[in-house]
């Protein structure tokens, strides 16, 4: 399983190799839905109810990290988490007058429902699998039905065809649940 640090390193190397000058966008390799599910410990519907940021040492450097409290509405993969409230850690945030933005990392909108794919990092703390590729806000479409949307923090993706993002966006929670269940049952 790739750690968050390894994912960030891969993003940086990919951007540096593709653009030797200044890069204006983040580029990531798209994960397939089976890869996203396989890397995740939990797949669920939840709502961020609180968030706070603070300085921590991540790897060998001081970084701002944000801890978000997420209320779990329902699992969509048959693996309910041990608690109905989870604490998730993401990189970036604001402490006082200093802010850090990590491109491709999720920034939660408090009170907004979402589908999340979650995995523990090297410290055992839960985070969003594959950064923004594991975050799907739910929004009602013109027909009044809530559907998964692409994360607003999604980087530009390579090899989008057949990716988790391509397959999940515009699906209902029930459709996403069936898709994830099919993957969970596969040998």
C-alpha atoms as a PDB file:
ATOM      1  CA  UNK A   1       0.000   0.000   0.000  1.00  0.00           C
ATOM      2  CA  UNK A   2       1.342   3.434  -0.901  1.00  0.00           C
ATOM      3  CA  UNK A   3       1.628   5.849   1.996  1.00  0.00           C
ATOM      4  CA  UNK A   4       0.472   9.435   1.686  1.00  0.00           C
ATOM      5  CA  UNK A   5       4.137  10.519   1.613  1.00  0.00           C
ATOM      6  CA  UNK A   6       4.884   8.110  -1.235  1.00  0.00           C
ATOM      7  CA  UNK A   7       1.848   9.398  -3.172  1.00  0.00           C
ATOM      8  CA  UNK A   8       3.016  13.005  -2.715  1.00  0.00           C
ATOM      9  CA  UNK A   9       6.536  12.032  -3.784  1.00  0.00           C
ATOM     10  CA  UNK A  10       5.201  10.313  -6.886  1.00  0.00           C
ATOM     11  CA  UNK A  11       3.135  13.425  -7.735  1.00  0.00           C
ATOM     12  CA  UNK A  12       6.204  15.621  -7.353  1.00  0.00           C
ATOM     13  CA  UNK A  13       8.452  13.352  -9.420  1.00  0.00           C
ATOM     14  CA  UNK A  14       5.786  13.059 -12.123  1.00  0.00           C
ATOM     15  CA  UNK A  15       5.344  16.821 -12.296  1.00  0.00           C
ATOM     16  CA  UNK A  16       9.100  17.458 -12.312  1.00  0.00           C
ATOM     17  CA  UNK A  17       9.660  14.918 -15.093  1.00  0.00           C
ATOM     18  CA  UNK A  18       6.785  16.221 -17.213  1.00  0.00           C
ATOM     19  CA  UNK A  19       7.509  19.910 -16.776  1.00  0.00           C
ATOM     20  CA  UNK A  20      11.085  20.918 -16.094  1.00  0.00           C
ATOM     21  CA  UNK A  21       9.933  24.513 -15.556  1.00  0.00           C
ATOM     22  CA  UNK A  22       7.255  25.779 -13.212  1.00  0.00           C
ATOM     23  CA  UNK A  23       4.199  23.541 -13.030  1.00  0.00           C
ATOM     24  CA  UNK A  24       0.752  25.097 -12.896  1.00  0.00           C
ATOM     25  CA  UNK A  25      -1.243  21.959 -12.080  1.00  0.00           C
ATOM     26  CA  UNK A  26      -0.932  18.750 -10.126  1.00  0.00           C
ATOM     27  CA  UNK A  27      -0.846  15.566 -12.160  1.00  0.00           C
ATOM     28  CA  UNK A  28      -1.592  12.083 -10.806  1.00  0.00           C
ATOM     29  CA  UNK A  29      -2.056   8.604 -12.223  1.00  0.00           C
ATOM     30  CA  UNK A  30      -5.721   7.619 -12.004  1.00  0.00           C
ATOM     31  CA  UNK A  31      -6.589   4.574  -9.906  1.00  0.00           C
ATOM     32  CA  UNK A  32      -9.092   1.992 -11.066  1.00  0.00           C
ATOM     33  CA  UNK A  33     -12.084   1.309  -8.833  1.00  0.00           C
ATOM     34  CA  UNK A  34     -10.696  -2.127  -7.826  1.00  0.00           C
ATOM     35  CA  UNK A  35      -7.395  -0.443  -6.870  1.00  0.00           C
ATOM     36  CA  UNK A  36      -9.183   2.241  -4.840  1.00  0.00           C
ATOM     37  CA  UNK A  37     -11.326  -0.335  -3.018  1.00  0.00           C
ATOM     38  CA  UNK A  38      -8.335  -2.639  -2.489  1.00  0.00           C
ATOM     39  CA  UNK A  39      -6.243   0.146  -0.926  1.00  0.00           C
ATOM     40  CA  UNK A  40      -9.095   1.194   1.376  1.00  0.00           C
ATOM     41  CA  UNK A  41     -10.012  -0.178   4.769  1.00  0.00           C
ATOM     42  CA  UNK A  42     -13.443   1.472   4.681  1.00  0.00           C
ATOM     43  CA  UNK A  43     -15.762   2.840   1.978  1.00  0.00           C
ATOM     44  CA  UNK A  44     -18.595   4.879   3.466  1.00  0.00           C
ATOM     45  CA  UNK A  45     -20.985   7.776   3.368  1.00  0.00           C
ATOM     46  CA  UNK A  46     -20.262  10.446   5.961  1.00  0.00           C
ATOM     47  CA  UNK A  47     -20.364  14.119   6.836  1.00  0.00           C
ATOM     48  CA  UNK A  48     -17.549  16.233   8.256  1.00  0.00           C
ATOM     49  CA  UNK A  49     -18.855  17.881  11.432  1.00  0.00           C
ATOM     50  CA  UNK A  50     -15.715  19.594  12.731  1.00  0.00           C
ATOM     51  CA  UNK A  51     -12.134  20.279  11.678  1.00  0.00           C
ATOM     52  CA  UNK A  52      -9.036  21.812  13.223  1.00  0.00           C
ATOM     53  CA  UNK A  53      -5.498  22.319  12.002  1.00  0.00           C
ATOM     54  CA  UNK A  54      -2.180  22.213  13.831  1.00  0.00           C
ATOM     55  CA  UNK A  55       1.541  21.883  13.261  1.00  0.00           C
ATOM     56  CA  UNK A  56       2.990  18.359  13.295  1.00  0.00           C
ATOM     57  CA  UNK A  57       6.159  16.663  12.163  1.00  0.00           C
ATOM     58  CA  UNK A  58       5.389  14.638   9.051  1.00  0.00           C
ATOM     59  CA  UNK A  59       8.359  12.644   7.869  1.00  0.00           C
ATOM     60  CA  UNK A  60      11.250  14.927   8.685  1.00  0.00           C
ATOM     61  CA  UNK A  61       9.561  18.294   8.269  1.00  0.00           C
ATOM     62  CA  UNK A  62       7.054  20.439  10.149  1.00  0.00           C
ATOM     63  CA  UNK A  63       3.741  20.612   8.324  1.00  0.00           C
ATOM     64  CA  UNK A  64       0.253  21.843   8.958  1.00  0.00           C
ATOM     65  CA  UNK A  65      -2.197  18.959   9.164  1.00  0.00           C
ATOM     66  CA  UNK A  66      -5.960  19.079   9.546  1.00  0.00           C
ATOM     67  CA  UNK A  67      -7.991  16.663  11.621  1.00  0.00           C
ATOM     68  CA  UNK A  68     -11.620  16.350  10.550  1.00  0.00           C
ATOM     69  CA  UNK A  69     -14.316  14.644  12.559  1.00  0.00           C
ATOM     70  CA  UNK A  70     -16.583  12.659  10.234  1.00  0.00           C
ATOM     71  CA  UNK A  71     -19.961  11.277  11.226  1.00  0.00           C
ATOM     72  CA  UNK A  72     -20.526   7.954   9.433  1.00  0.00           C
ATOM     73  CA  UNK A  73     -23.941   7.596   7.850  1.00  0.00           C
ATOM     74  CA  UNK A  74     -23.479   4.156   6.288  1.00  0.00           C
ATOM     75  CA  UNK A  75     -20.770   1.838   4.979  1.00  0.00           C
ATOM     76  CA  UNK A  76     -21.014   1.069   1.271  1.00  0.00           C
ATOM     77  CA  UNK A  77     -18.594  -1.862   1.289  1.00  0.00           C
ATOM     78  CA  UNK A  78     -20.029  -4.087   4.028  1.00  0.00           C
ATOM     79  CA  UNK A  79     -17.167  -3.153   6.407  1.00  0.00           C
ATOM     80  CA  UNK A  80     -18.538  -0.787   9.038  1.00  0.00           C
ATOM     81  CA  UNK A  81     -15.855   1.129  10.918  1.00  0.00           C
ATOM     82  CA  UNK A  82     -15.534   0.489  14.670  1.00  0.00           C
ATOM     83  CA  UNK A  83     -17.143   3.857  15.532  1.00  0.00           C
ATOM     84  CA  UNK A  84     -19.832   6.032  13.980  1.00  0.00           C
ATOM     85  CA  UNK A  85     -17.543   9.032  14.345  1.00  0.00           C
ATOM     86  CA  UNK A  86     -14.074   8.930  12.789  1.00  0.00           C
ATOM     87  CA  UNK A  87     -11.113  11.291  13.007  1.00  0.00           C
ATOM     88  CA  UNK A  88      -9.367  11.744   9.636  1.00  0.00           C
ATOM     89  CA  UNK A  89      -6.049  13.451   8.976  1.00  0.00           C
ATOM     90  CA  UNK A  90      -5.243  15.384   5.822  1.00  0.00           C
ATOM     91  CA  UNK A  91      -2.200  17.440   4.901  1.00  0.00           C
ATOM     92  CA  UNK A  92      -2.510  21.213   4.740  1.00  0.00           C
ATOM     93  CA  UNK A  93      -4.686  23.736   6.487  1.00  0.00           C
ATOM     94  CA  UNK A  94      -4.381  27.037   8.304  1.00  0.00           C
ATOM     95  CA  UNK A  95      -2.844  27.787  11.701  1.00  0.00           C
ATOM     96  CA  UNK A  96      -3.053  31.459  12.619  1.00  0.00           C
ATOM     97  CA  UNK A  97      -1.823  33.542   9.683  1.00  0.00           C
ATOM     98  CA  UNK A  98      -0.026  30.644   8.006  1.00  0.00           C
ATOM     99  CA  UNK A  99      -1.719  28.363   5.518  1.00  0.00           C
ATOM    100  CA  UNK A 100      -0.404  25.350   3.620  1.00  0.00           C
ATOM    101  CA  UNK A 101      -2.079  23.958   0.527  1.00  0.00           C
ATOM    102  CA  UNK A 102      -1.260  20.443  -0.628  1.00  0.00           C
ATOM    103  CA  UNK A 103      -2.443  20.063  -4.210  1.00  0.00           C
ATOM    104  CA  UNK A 104      -4.589  16.973  -4.672  1.00  0.00           C
ATOM    105  CA  UNK A 105      -5.342  16.710  -0.937  1.00  0.00           C
ATOM    106  CA  UNK A 106      -8.948  16.787   0.284  1.00  0.00           C
ATOM    107  CA  UNK A 107     -10.388  19.849   2.000  1.00  0.00           C
ATOM    108  CA  UNK A 108     -13.669  18.933   3.685  1.00  0.00           C
ATOM    109  CA  UNK A 109     -16.764  21.102   3.523  1.00  0.00           C
ATOM    110  CA  UNK A 110     -18.387  20.920   6.966  1.00  0.00           C
ATOM    111  CA  UNK A 111     -21.968  19.645   6.950  1.00  0.00           C
ATOM    112  CA  UNK A 112     -21.817  18.334   3.372  1.00  0.00           C
ATOM    113  CA  UNK A 113     -22.417  14.591   2.803  1.00  0.00           C
ATOM    114  CA  UNK A 114     -19.802  12.652   0.848  1.00  0.00           C
ATOM    115  CA  UNK A 115     -18.614   9.188  -0.101  1.00  0.00           C
ATOM    116  CA  UNK A 116     -15.149   8.435   1.242  1.00  0.00           C
ATOM    117  CA  UNK A 117     -12.594   5.702   0.689  1.00  0.00           C
ATOM    118  CA  UNK A 118     -10.392   5.547   3.793  1.00  0.00           C
ATOM    119  CA  UNK A 119      -7.117   3.891   4.738  1.00  0.00           C
ATOM    120  CA  UNK A 120      -4.700   4.249   7.639  1.00  0.00           C
ATOM    121  CA  UNK A 121      -1.370   5.970   6.988  1.00  0.00           C
ATOM    122  CA  UNK A 122       2.011   4.740   8.239  1.00  0.00           C
ATOM    123  CA  UNK A 123       1.124   6.082  11.722  1.00  0.00           C
ATOM    124  CA  UNK A 124      -2.184   4.159  11.721  1.00  0.00           C
ATOM    125  CA  UNK A 125      -4.242   7.353  11.422  1.00  0.00           C
ATOM    126  CA  UNK A 126      -7.117   7.245   8.942  1.00  0.00           C
ATOM    127  CA  UNK A 127      -6.956   9.431   5.872  1.00  0.00           C
ATOM    128  CA  UNK A 128      -8.591   9.571   2.466  1.00  0.00           C
ATOM    129  CA  UNK A 129      -7.238   6.869   0.145  1.00  0.00           C
ATOM    130  CA  UNK A 130      -5.324   8.307  -2.817  1.00  0.00           C
ATOM    131  CA  UNK A 131      -6.094  11.820  -1.634  1.00  0.00           C
ATOM    132  CA  UNK A 132      -8.860  13.452  -3.720  1.00  0.00           C
ATOM    133  CA  UNK A 133      -9.437  10.235  -5.722  1.00  0.00           C
ATOM    134  CA  UNK A 134     -11.078   8.808  -2.583  1.00  0.00           C
ATOM    135  CA  UNK A 135     -13.405  11.787  -1.956  1.00  0.00           C
ATOM    136  CA  UNK A 136     -16.801  12.185  -3.671  1.00  0.00           C
ATOM    137  CA  UNK A 137     -19.108  14.963  -2.435  1.00  0.00           C
ATOM    138  CA  UNK A 138     -22.811  14.169  -2.789  1.00  0.00           C
ATOM    139  CA  UNK A 139     -24.948  16.776  -4.538  1.00  0.00           C
ATOM    140  CA  UNK A 140     -28.561  16.691  -5.634  1.00  0.00           C
ATOM    141  CA  UNK A 141     -28.932  16.806  -9.413  1.00  0.00           C
ATOM    142  CA  UNK A 142     -31.822  18.461 -11.250  1.00  0.00           C
ATOM    143  CA  UNK A 143     -33.859  15.277 -10.711  1.00  0.00           C
ATOM    144  CA  UNK A 144     -33.486  15.747  -6.912  1.00  0.00           C
ATOM    145  CA  UNK A 145     -31.359  12.611  -6.494  1.00  0.00           C
ATOM    146  CA  UNK A 146     -28.003  12.923  -4.733  1.00  0.00           C
ATOM    147  CA  UNK A 147     -25.124  11.766  -6.902  1.00  0.00           C
ATOM    148  CA  UNK A 148     -21.378  11.448  -6.398  1.00  0.00           C
ATOM    149  CA  UNK A 149     -19.345  14.360  -7.720  1.00  0.00           C
ATOM    150  CA  UNK A 150     -15.638  14.605  -8.421  1.00  0.00           C
ATOM    151  CA  UNK A 151     -13.712  16.122  -5.520  1.00  0.00           C
ATOM    152  CA  UNK A 152     -13.141  19.863  -6.037  1.00  0.00           C
ATOM    153  CA  UNK A 153      -9.518  19.136  -5.050  1.00  0.00           C
ATOM    154  CA  UNK A 154      -9.004  16.517  -7.778  1.00  0.00           C
ATOM    155  CA  UNK A 155      -5.717  16.923  -9.629  1.00  0.00           C
ATOM    156  CA  UNK A 156      -5.439  16.377 -13.363  1.00  0.00           C
ATOM    157  CA  UNK A 157      -5.403  12.623 -13.878  1.00  0.00           C
ATOM    158  CA  UNK A 158      -3.476  10.472 -16.330  1.00  0.00           C
ATOM    159  CA  UNK A 159      -5.274   7.456 -17.842  1.00  0.00           C
ATOM    160  CA  UNK A 160      -8.765   8.519 -16.772  1.00  0.00           C
ATOM    161  CA  UNK A 161     -10.544   5.964 -18.963  1.00  0.00           C
ATOM    162  CA  UNK A 162     -11.922   3.202 -16.717  1.00  0.00           C
ATOM    163  CA  UNK A 163     -10.709   4.971 -13.558  1.00  0.00           C
ATOM    164  CA  UNK A 164     -12.576   5.060 -10.255  1.00  0.00           C
ATOM    165  CA  UNK A 165     -13.379   8.731 -10.835  1.00  0.00           C
ATOM    166  CA  UNK A 166     -14.823   8.064 -14.279  1.00  0.00           C
ATOM    167  CA  UNK A 167     -16.888   5.125 -12.996  1.00  0.00           C
ATOM    168  CA  UNK A 168     -18.213   6.761  -9.803  1.00  0.00           C
ATOM    169  CA  UNK A 169     -18.991  10.352 -10.759  1.00  0.00           C
ATOM    170  CA  UNK A 170     -22.716  10.940 -11.420  1.00  0.00           C
ATOM    171  CA  UNK A 171     -23.657   7.634  -9.713  1.00  0.00           C
ATOM    172  CA  UNK A 172     -26.085   7.395  -6.801  1.00  0.00           C
ATOM    173  CA  UNK A 173     -24.919   5.992  -3.467  1.00  0.00           C
ATOM    174  CA  UNK A 174     -26.861   2.793  -4.180  1.00  0.00           C
ATOM    175  CA  UNK A 175     -25.145   2.391  -7.558  1.00  0.00           C
ATOM    176  CA  UNK A 176     -21.733   3.017  -5.968  1.00  0.00           C
ATOM    177  CA  UNK A 177     -22.566   0.478  -3.249  1.00  0.00           C
ATOM    178  CA  UNK A 178     -23.377  -2.176  -5.871  1.00  0.00           C
ATOM    179  CA  UNK A 179     -20.159  -1.432  -7.773  1.00  0.00           C
ATOM    180  CA  UNK A 180     -18.036  -1.663  -4.614  1.00  0.00           C
ATOM    181  CA  UNK A 181     -19.876  -4.818  -3.447  1.00  0.00           C
ATOM    182  CA  UNK A 182     -19.170  -6.500  -6.790  1.00  0.00           C
ATOM    183  CA  UNK A 183     -15.461  -5.777  -6.336  1.00  0.00           C
ATOM    184  CA  UNK A 184     -15.512  -7.013  -2.738  1.00  0.00           C
ATOM    185  CA  UNK A 185     -17.085 -10.332  -3.864  1.00  0.00           C
ATOM    186  CA  UNK A 186     -14.641 -10.874  -6.739  1.00  0.00           C
ATOM    187  CA  UNK A 187     -12.015 -13.562  -6.101  1.00  0.00           C
END
